PDB file of N, CA and C in Angstrom:
ATOM      1  N   UNK A   1       0.841  -1.157   0.000  1.00  0.00           N
ATOM      2  CA  UNK A   1       0.000   0.000   0.000  1.00  0.00           C
ATOM      3  C   UNK A   1       0.905   1.245   0.000  1.00  0.00           C
ATOM      4  N   UNK A   2       0.679   2.192  -0.896  1.00  0.00           N
ATOM      5  CA  UNK A   2       1.510   3.400  -0.947  1.00  0.00           C
ATOM      6  C   UNK A   2       1.216   4.312   0.254  1.00  0.00           C
ATOM      7  N   UNK A   3       2.174   5.096   0.692  1.00  0.00           N
ATOM      8  CA  UNK A   3       1.982   5.974   1.854  1.00  0.00           C
ATOM      9  C   UNK A   3       0.793   6.910   1.710  1.00  0.00           C
ATOM     10  N   UNK A   4       0.468   7.316   0.501  1.00  0.00           N
ATOM     11  CA  UNK A   4      -0.652   8.239   0.321  1.00  0.00           C
ATOM     12  C   UNK A   4      -1.982   7.623   0.749  1.00  0.00           C
ATOM     13  N   UNK A   5      -2.057   6.282   0.906  1.00  0.00           N
ATOM     14  CA  UNK A   5      -3.289   5.630   1.321  1.00  0.00           C
ATOM     15  C   UNK A   5      -3.289   5.262   2.812  1.00  0.00           C
ATOM     16  N   UNK A   6      -2.217   5.631   3.535  1.00  0.00           N
ATOM     17  CA  UNK A   6      -2.167   5.346   4.960  1.00  0.00           C
ATOM     18  C   UNK A   6      -3.173   6.228   5.684  1.00  0.00           C
ATOM     19  N   UNK A   7      -3.720   5.719   6.776  1.00  0.00           N
ATOM     20  CA  UNK A   7      -4.663   6.467   7.588  1.00  0.00           C
ATOM     21  C   UNK A   7      -3.946   7.644   8.249  1.00  0.00           C
ATOM     22  N   UNK A   8      -4.422   8.853   8.068  1.00  0.00           N
ATOM     23  CA  UNK A   8      -3.823  10.049   8.655  1.00  0.00           C
ATOM     24  C   UNK A   8      -2.665  10.622   7.864  1.00  0.00           C
ATOM     25  N   UNK A   9      -2.340  10.043   6.723  1.00  0.00           N
ATOM     26  CA  UNK A   9      -1.223  10.549   5.921  1.00  0.00           C
ATOM     27  C   UNK A   9      -1.576  11.893   5.303  1.00  0.00           C
ATOM     28  N   UNK A  10      -0.612  12.816   5.319  1.00  0.00           N
ATOM     29  CA  UNK A  10      -0.764  14.066   4.566  1.00  0.00           C
ATOM     30  C   UNK A  10       0.557  14.347   3.884  1.00  0.00           C
ATOM     31  N   UNK A  11       0.460  14.926   2.739  1.00  0.00           N
ATOM     32  CA  UNK A  11       1.651  15.266   1.963  1.00  0.00           C
ATOM     33  C   UNK A  11       2.376  16.422   2.645  1.00  0.00           C
ATOM     34  N   UNK A  12       3.678  16.296   2.894  1.00  0.00           N
ATOM     35  CA  UNK A  12       4.405  17.414   3.506  1.00  0.00           C
ATOM     36  C   UNK A  12       4.432  18.611   2.547  1.00  0.00           C
ATOM     37  N   UNK A  13       4.504  19.782   3.138  1.00  0.00           N
ATOM     38  CA  UNK A  13       4.579  20.983   2.309  1.00  0.00           C
ATOM     39  C   UNK A  13       5.908  20.994   1.561  1.00  0.00           C
ATOM     40  N   UNK A  14       5.836  21.120   0.272  1.00  0.00           N
ATOM     41  CA  UNK A  14       7.068  21.138  -0.515  1.00  0.00           C
ATOM     42  C   UNK A  14       7.632  22.554  -0.607  1.00  0.00           C
ATOM     43  N   UNK A  15       6.798  23.557  -0.384  1.00  0.00           N
ATOM     44  CA  UNK A  15       7.248  24.938  -0.497  1.00  0.00           C
ATOM     45  C   UNK A  15       7.467  25.582   0.872  1.00  0.00           C
ATOM     46  N   UNK A  16       7.708  24.790   1.878  1.00  0.00           N
ATOM     47  CA  UNK A  16       7.911  25.341   3.214  1.00  0.00           C
ATOM     48  C   UNK A  16       9.200  26.165   3.234  1.00  0.00           C
ATOM     49  N   UNK A  17       9.172  27.318   3.883  1.00  0.00           N
ATOM     50  CA  UNK A  17      10.395  28.128   3.957  1.00  0.00           C
ATOM     51  C   UNK A  17      11.421  27.451   4.859  1.00  0.00           C
ATOM     52  N   UNK A  18      12.679  27.721   4.628  1.00  0.00           N
ATOM     53  CA  UNK A  18      13.703  27.125   5.499  1.00  0.00           C
ATOM     54  C   UNK A  18      13.581  27.711   6.904  1.00  0.00           C
ATOM     55  N   UNK A  19      14.023  26.974   7.911  1.00  0.00           N
ATOM     56  CA  UNK A  19      13.938  27.491   9.281  1.00  0.00           C
ATOM     57  C   UNK A  19      14.868  28.685   9.472  1.00  0.00           C
ATOM     58  N   UNK A  20      14.514  29.528  10.417  1.00  0.00           N
ATOM     59  CA  UNK A  20      15.367  30.662  10.762  1.00  0.00           C
ATOM     60  C   UNK A  20      16.684  30.108  11.310  1.00  0.00           C
ATOM     61  N   UNK A  21      17.823  30.713  10.970  1.00  0.00           N
ATOM     62  CA  UNK A  21      19.115  30.169  11.438  1.00  0.00           C
ATOM     63  C   UNK A  21      19.192  29.971  12.951  1.00  0.00           C
ATOM     64  N   UNK A  22      18.536  30.828  13.735  1.00  0.00           N
ATOM     65  CA  UNK A  22      18.608  30.660  15.188  1.00  0.00           C
ATOM     66  C   UNK A  22      17.885  29.401  15.650  1.00  0.00           C
ATOM     67  N   UNK A  23      16.973  28.887  14.832  1.00  0.00           N
ATOM     68  CA  UNK A  23      16.251  27.671  15.206  1.00  0.00           C
ATOM     69  C   UNK A  23      17.134  26.435  15.149  1.00  0.00           C
ATOM     70  N   UNK A  24      18.179  26.456  14.349  1.00  0.00           N
ATOM     71  CA  UNK A  24      19.051  25.291  14.274  1.00  0.00           C
ATOM     72  C   UNK A  24      20.424  25.562  14.860  1.00  0.00           C
ATOM     73  N   UNK A  25      20.534  26.626  15.667  1.00  0.00           N
ATOM     74  CA  UNK A  25      21.747  26.861  16.434  1.00  0.00           C
ATOM     75  C   UNK A  25      22.779  27.757  15.786  1.00  0.00           C
ATOM     76  N   UNK A  26      22.484  28.329  14.640  1.00  0.00           N
ATOM     77  CA  UNK A  26      23.447  29.220  14.003  1.00  0.00           C
ATOM     78  C   UNK A  26      23.488  30.544  14.770  1.00  0.00           C
ATOM     79  N   UNK A  27      24.669  31.059  14.972  1.00  0.00           N
ATOM     80  CA  UNK A  27      24.831  32.352  15.632  1.00  0.00           C
ATOM     81  C   UNK A  27      25.646  33.253  14.712  1.00  0.00           C
ATOM     82  N   UNK A  28      25.432  34.551  14.801  1.00  0.00           N
ATOM     83  CA  UNK A  28      26.218  35.445  13.958  1.00  0.00           C
ATOM     84  C   UNK A  28      27.693  35.375  14.350  1.00  0.00           C
ATOM     85  N   UNK A  29      28.588  35.596  13.411  1.00  0.00           N
ATOM     86  CA  UNK A  29      30.012  35.526  13.734  1.00  0.00           C
ATOM     87  C   UNK A  29      30.413  36.649  14.697  1.00  0.00           C
ATOM     88  N   UNK A  30      31.367  36.355  15.547  1.00  0.00           N
ATOM     89  CA  UNK A  30      31.889  37.347  16.479  1.00  0.00           C
ATOM     90  C   UNK A  30      32.819  38.268  15.698  1.00  0.00           C
ATOM     91  N   UNK A  31      32.700  39.591  15.883  1.00  0.00           N
ATOM     92  CA  UNK A  31      33.593  40.494  15.165  1.00  0.00           C
ATOM     93  C   UNK A  31      35.043  40.277  15.590  1.00  0.00           C
ATOM     94  N   UNK A  32      35.960  40.658  14.724  1.00  0.00           N
ATOM     95  CA  UNK A  32      37.380  40.498  15.040  1.00  0.00           C
ATOM     96  C   UNK A  32      37.743  41.395  16.224  1.00  0.00           C
ATOM     97  N   UNK A  33      38.895  41.134  16.798  1.00  0.00           N
ATOM     98  CA  UNK A  33      39.363  41.904  17.947  1.00  0.00           C
ATOM     99  C   UNK A  33      39.500  43.375  17.568  1.00  0.00           C
ATOM    100  N   UNK A  34      40.000  43.634  16.373  1.00  0.00           N
ATOM    101  CA  UNK A  34      40.178  45.015  15.924  1.00  0.00           C
ATOM    102  C   UNK A  34      38.823  45.700  15.766  1.00  0.00           C
ATOM    103  N   UNK A  35      37.841  44.994  15.208  1.00  0.00           N
ATOM    104  CA  UNK A  35      36.504  45.567  15.065  1.00  0.00           C
ATOM    105  C   UNK A  35      35.872  45.843  16.431  1.00  0.00           C
ATOM    106  N   UNK A  36      36.080  44.945  17.389  1.00  0.00           N
ATOM    107  CA  UNK A  36      35.543  45.148  18.740  1.00  0.00           C
ATOM    108  C   UNK A  36      36.180  46.379  19.393  1.00  0.00           C
ATOM    109  N   UNK A  37      37.488  46.533  19.209  1.00  0.00           N
ATOM    110  CA  UNK A  37      38.190  47.686  19.790  1.00  0.00           C
ATOM    111  C   UNK A  37      37.733  48.986  19.127  1.00  0.00           C
ATOM    112  N   UNK A  38      37.523  48.954  17.814  1.00  0.00           N
ATOM    113  CA  UNK A  38      37.030  50.154  17.124  1.00  0.00           C
ATOM    114  C   UNK A  38      35.661  50.553  17.663  1.00  0.00           C
ATOM    115  N   UNK A  39      34.793  49.584  17.873  1.00  0.00           N
ATOM    116  CA  UNK A  39      33.459  49.867  18.389  1.00  0.00           C
ATOM    117  C   UNK A  39      33.550  50.439  19.812  1.00  0.00           C
ATOM    118  N   UNK A  40      34.427  49.882  20.622  1.00  0.00           N
ATOM    119  CA  UNK A  40      34.611  50.391  21.982  1.00  0.00           C
ATOM    120  C   UNK A  40      35.162  51.813  21.946  1.00  0.00           C
ATOM    121  N   UNK A  41      36.081  52.071  21.050  1.00  0.00           N
ATOM    122  CA  UNK A  41      36.685  53.409  20.930  1.00  0.00           C
ATOM    123  C   UNK A  41      35.640  54.444  20.519  1.00  0.00           C
ATOM    124  N   UNK A  42      34.705  54.053  19.653  1.00  0.00           N
ATOM    125  CA  UNK A  42      33.639  54.968  19.231  1.00  0.00           C
ATOM    126  C   UNK A  42      32.793  55.413  20.415  1.00  0.00           C
ATOM    127  N   UNK A  43      32.689  54.542  21.408  1.00  0.00           N
ATOM    128  CA  UNK A  43      31.854  54.847  22.563  1.00  0.00           C
ATOM    129  C   UNK A  43      32.657  55.444  23.707  1.00  0.00           C
ATOM    130  N   UNK A  44      33.934  55.693  23.491  1.00  0.00           N
ATOM    131  CA  UNK A  44      34.651  56.502  24.463  1.00  0.00           C
ATOM    132  C   UNK A  44      35.892  55.969  25.140  1.00  0.00           C
ATOM    133  N   UNK A  45      35.985  54.733  25.511  1.00  0.00           N
ATOM    134  CA  UNK A  45      37.065  54.287  26.375  1.00  0.00           C
ATOM    135  C   UNK A  45      38.286  53.808  25.589  1.00  0.00           C
ATOM    136  N   UNK A  46      39.349  54.580  25.651  1.00  0.00           N
ATOM    137  CA  UNK A  46      40.601  54.181  24.984  1.00  0.00           C
ATOM    138  C   UNK A  46      41.232  52.991  25.691  1.00  0.00           C
ATOM    139  N   UNK A  47      41.281  53.063  27.021  1.00  0.00           N
ATOM    140  CA  UNK A  47      41.947  51.997  27.780  1.00  0.00           C
ATOM    141  C   UNK A  47      41.273  50.650  27.565  1.00  0.00           C
ATOM    142  N   UNK A  48      39.952  50.645  27.504  1.00  0.00           N
ATOM    143  CA  UNK A  48      39.238  49.400  27.252  1.00  0.00           C
ATOM    144  C   UNK A  48      39.529  48.911  25.843  1.00  0.00           C
ATOM    145  N   UNK A  49      39.591  49.830  24.894  1.00  0.00           N
ATOM    146  CA  UNK A  49      39.911  49.446  23.515  1.00  0.00           C
ATOM    147  C   UNK A  49      41.303  48.822  23.445  1.00  0.00           C
ATOM    148  N   UNK A  50      42.266  49.404  24.166  1.00  0.00           N
ATOM    149  CA  UNK A  50      43.619  48.841  24.171  1.00  0.00           C
ATOM    150  C   UNK A  50      43.638  47.457  24.811  1.00  0.00           C
ATOM    151  N   UNK A  51      42.875  47.274  25.889  1.00  0.00           N
ATOM    152  CA  UNK A  51      42.856  45.959  26.540  1.00  0.00           C
ATOM    153  C   UNK A  51      42.182  44.919  25.642  1.00  0.00           C
ATOM    154  N   UNK A  52      41.192  45.340  24.854  1.00  0.00           N
ATOM    155  CA  UNK A  52      40.570  44.412  23.902  1.00  0.00           C
ATOM    156  C   UNK A  52      41.596  44.004  22.847  1.00  0.00           C
ATOM    157  N   UNK A  53      42.366  44.972  22.356  1.00  0.00           N
ATOM    158  CA  UNK A  53      43.389  44.665  21.350  1.00  0.00           C
ATOM    159  C   UNK A  53      44.443  43.708  21.901  1.00  0.00           C
ATOM    160  N   UNK A  54      44.769  43.845  23.166  1.00  0.00           N
ATOM    161  CA  UNK A  54      45.780  42.984  23.780  1.00  0.00           C
ATOM    162  C   UNK A  54      45.249  41.611  24.163  1.00  0.00           C
ATOM    163  N   UNK A  55      43.930  41.421  24.112  1.00  0.00           N
ATOM    164  CA  UNK A  55      43.328  40.188  24.625  1.00  0.00           C
ATOM    165  C   UNK A  55      43.594  38.953  23.777  1.00  0.00           C
ATOM    166  N   UNK A  56      43.930  39.132  22.506  1.00  0.00           N
ATOM    167  CA  UNK A  56      44.170  37.974  21.643  1.00  0.00           C
ATOM    168  C   UNK A  56      45.675  37.798  21.444  1.00  0.00           C
ATOM    169  N   UNK A  57      46.279  36.807  22.106  1.00  0.00           N
ATOM    170  CA  UNK A  57      47.729  36.637  21.991  1.00  0.00           C
ATOM    171  C   UNK A  57      48.185  36.187  20.606  1.00  0.00           C
ATOM    172  N   UNK A  58      47.273  35.718  19.781  1.00  0.00           N
ATOM    173  CA  UNK A  58      47.651  35.250  18.443  1.00  0.00           C
ATOM    174  C   UNK A  58      47.539  36.329  17.377  1.00  0.00           C
ATOM    175  N   UNK A  59      47.053  37.521  17.738  1.00  0.00           N
ATOM    176  CA  UNK A  59      46.865  38.592  16.762  1.00  0.00           C
ATOM    177  C   UNK A  59      47.962  39.636  16.949  1.00  0.00           C
ATOM    178  N   UNK A  60      49.036  39.484  16.180  1.00  0.00           N
ATOM    179  CA  UNK A  60      50.179  40.392  16.304  1.00  0.00           C
ATOM    180  C   UNK A  60      49.824  41.820  15.896  1.00  0.00           C
ATOM    181  N   UNK A  61      48.977  41.966  14.882  1.00  0.00           N
ATOM    182  CA  UNK A  61      48.584  43.304  14.446  1.00  0.00           C
ATOM    183  C   UNK A  61      47.828  44.029  15.555  1.00  0.00           C
ATOM    184  N   UNK A  62      46.894  43.347  16.193  1.00  0.00           N
ATOM    185  CA  UNK A  62      46.123  43.958  17.273  1.00  0.00           C
ATOM    186  C   UNK A  62      47.039  44.352  18.434  1.00  0.00           C
ATOM    187  N   UNK A  63      47.990  43.487  18.772  1.00  0.00           N
ATOM    188  CA  UNK A  63      48.918  43.799  19.862  1.00  0.00           C
ATOM    189  C   UNK A  63      49.775  45.007  19.502  1.00  0.00           C
ATOM    190  N   UNK A  64      50.205  45.083  18.257  1.00  0.00           N
ATOM    191  CA  UNK A  64      51.000  46.229  17.807  1.00  0.00           C
ATOM    192  C   UNK A  64      50.189  47.516  17.857  1.00  0.00           C
ATOM    193  N   UNK A  65      48.937  47.443  17.436  1.00  0.00           N
ATOM    194  CA  UNK A  65      48.072  48.624  17.488  1.00  0.00           C
ATOM    195  C   UNK A  65      47.862  49.079  18.930  1.00  0.00           C
ATOM    196  N   UNK A  66      47.695  48.132  19.844  1.00  0.00           N
ATOM    197  CA  UNK A  66      47.519  48.482  21.256  1.00  0.00           C
ATOM    198  C   UNK A  66      48.769  49.164  21.793  1.00  0.00           C
ATOM    199  N   UNK A  67      49.918  48.606  21.485  1.00  0.00           N
ATOM    200  CA  UNK A  67      51.179  49.179  21.947  1.00  0.00           C
ATOM    201  C   UNK A  67      51.389  50.579  21.374  1.00  0.00           C
ATOM    202  N   UNK A  68      51.124  50.725  20.087  1.00  0.00           N
ATOM    203  CA  UNK A  68      51.275  52.015  19.423  1.00  0.00           C
ATOM    204  C   UNK A  68      50.312  53.044  20.023  1.00  0.00           C
ATOM    205  N   UNK A  69      49.071  52.647  20.232  1.00  0.00           N
ATOM    206  CA  UNK A  69      48.083  53.548  20.810  1.00  0.00           C
ATOM    207  C   UNK A  69      48.455  53.979  22.217  1.00  0.00           C
ATOM    208  N   UNK A  70      48.992  53.054  23.009  1.00  0.00           N
ATOM    209  CA  UNK A  70      49.397  53.385  24.372  1.00  0.00           C
ATOM    210  C   UNK A  70      50.592  54.337  24.368  1.00  0.00           C
ATOM    211  N   UNK A  71      51.507  54.168  23.413  1.00  0.00           N
ATOM    212  CA  UNK A  71      52.640  55.098  23.307  1.00  0.00           C
ATOM    213  C   UNK A  71      52.147  56.494  22.947  1.00  0.00           C
ATOM    214  N   UNK A  72      51.205  56.587  22.018  1.00  0.00           N
ATOM    215  CA  UNK A  72      50.668  57.895  21.629  1.00  0.00           C
ATOM    216  C   UNK A  72      49.951  58.532  22.814  1.00  0.00           C
ATOM    217  N   UNK A  73      49.166  57.747  23.526  1.00  0.00           N
ATOM    218  CA  UNK A  73      48.444  58.271  24.683  1.00  0.00           C
ATOM    219  C   UNK A  73      49.414  58.759  25.759  1.00  0.00           C
ATOM    220  N   UNK A  74      50.476  58.015  26.012  1.00  0.00           N
ATOM    221  CA  UNK A  74      51.471  58.422  27.001  1.00  0.00           C
ATOM    222  C   UNK A  74      52.161  59.704  26.553  1.00  0.00           C
ATOM    223  N   UNK A  75      52.450  59.811  25.263  1.00  0.00           N
ATOM    224  CA  UNK A  75      53.086  61.013  24.720  1.00  0.00           C
ATOM    225  C   UNK A  75      52.160  62.218  24.859  1.00  0.00           C
ATOM    226  N   UNK A  76      50.861  62.016  24.574  1.00  0.00           N
ATOM    227  CA  UNK A  76      49.897  63.111  24.716  1.00  0.00           C
ATOM    228  C   UNK A  76      49.778  63.544  26.169  1.00  0.00           C
ATOM    229  N   UNK A  77      49.773  62.609  27.090  1.00  0.00           N
ATOM    230  CA  UNK A  77      49.698  62.942  28.507  1.00  0.00           C
ATOM    231  C   UNK A  77      50.951  63.688  28.942  1.00  0.00           C
ATOM    232  N   UNK A  78      52.096  63.281  28.406  1.00  0.00           N
ATOM    233  CA  UNK A  78      53.353  63.962  28.723  1.00  0.00           C
ATOM    234  C   UNK A  78      53.344  65.399  28.232  1.00  0.00           C
ATOM    235  N   UNK A  79      52.808  65.641  27.040  1.00  0.00           N
ATOM    236  CA  UNK A  79      52.729  66.993  26.498  1.00  0.00           C
ATOM    237  C   UNK A  79      51.782  67.835  27.347  1.00  0.00           C
ATOM    238  N   UNK A  80      50.647  67.259  27.743  1.00  0.00           N
ATOM    239  CA  UNK A  80      49.688  67.998  28.574  1.00  0.00           C
ATOM    240  C   UNK A  80      50.305  68.337  29.926  1.00  0.00           C
ATOM    241  N   UNK A  81      51.031  67.406  30.529  1.00  0.00           N
ATOM    242  CA  UNK A  81      51.637  67.645  31.844  1.00  0.00           C
ATOM    243  C   UNK A  81      52.834  68.550  31.747  1.00  0.00           C
ATOM    244  N   UNK A  82      53.516  68.569  30.623  1.00  0.00           N
ATOM    245  CA  UNK A  82      54.698  69.414  30.439  1.00  0.00           C
ATOM    246  C   UNK A  82      54.311  70.882  30.413  1.00  0.00           C
ATOM    247  N   UNK A  83      53.154  71.197  29.876  1.00  0.00           N
ATOM    248  CA  UNK A  83      52.709  72.574  29.787  1.00  0.00           C
ATOM    249  C   UNK A  83      52.257  73.148  31.123  1.00  0.00           C
ATOM    250  N   UNK A  84      51.967  72.303  32.085  1.00  0.00           N
ATOM    251  CA  UNK A  84      51.506  72.758  33.396  1.00  0.00           C
ATOM    252  C   UNK A  84      52.721  73.039  34.278  1.00  0.00           C
ATOM    253  N   UNK A  85      52.691  74.134  34.974  1.00  0.00           N
ATOM    254  CA  UNK A  85      53.813  74.437  35.865  1.00  0.00           C
ATOM    255  C   UNK A  85      53.365  74.328  37.311  1.00  0.00           C
ATOM    256  N   UNK A  86      54.303  74.054  38.163  1.00  0.00           N
ATOM    257  CA  UNK A  86      54.025  73.952  39.583  1.00  0.00           C
ATOM    258  C   UNK A  86      53.947  75.360  40.157  1.00  0.00           C
ATOM    259  N   UNK A  87      52.967  75.670  40.970  1.00  0.00           N
ATOM    260  CA  UNK A  87      52.759  77.015  41.498  1.00  0.00           C
ATOM    261  C   UNK A  87      53.748  77.381  42.619  1.00  0.00           C
ATOM    262  N   UNK A  88      54.573  76.435  43.052  1.00  0.00           N
ATOM    263  CA  UNK A  88      55.510  76.708  44.143  1.00  0.00           C
ATOM    264  C   UNK A  88      56.810  77.340  43.650  1.00  0.00           C
ATOM    265  N   UNK A  89      56.954  77.582  42.339  1.00  0.00           N
ATOM    266  CA  UNK A  89      58.205  78.162  41.799  1.00  0.00           C
ATOM    267  C   UNK A  89      58.405  79.556  42.262  1.00  0.00           C
TER     268      UNK A  89
END
């Protein structure tokens, strides 16, 4: 007896849409460390952005960017502090 004659048989929908990716466990890809640091920098915190860049030990470019950014920040702080004089002179 063919399945179409079984009691309670119904033909499955052939035009059913595919399931939403979240239904089968797909998750969006995590942005790269550099992209995460850029997003953090847009919202204000340089130090957090540098720590994000340093968080991946396998990403030499990110580590270099963090080091370079910290050197620039230290240089800027030095320039700001150099212009200030002590009032006890």
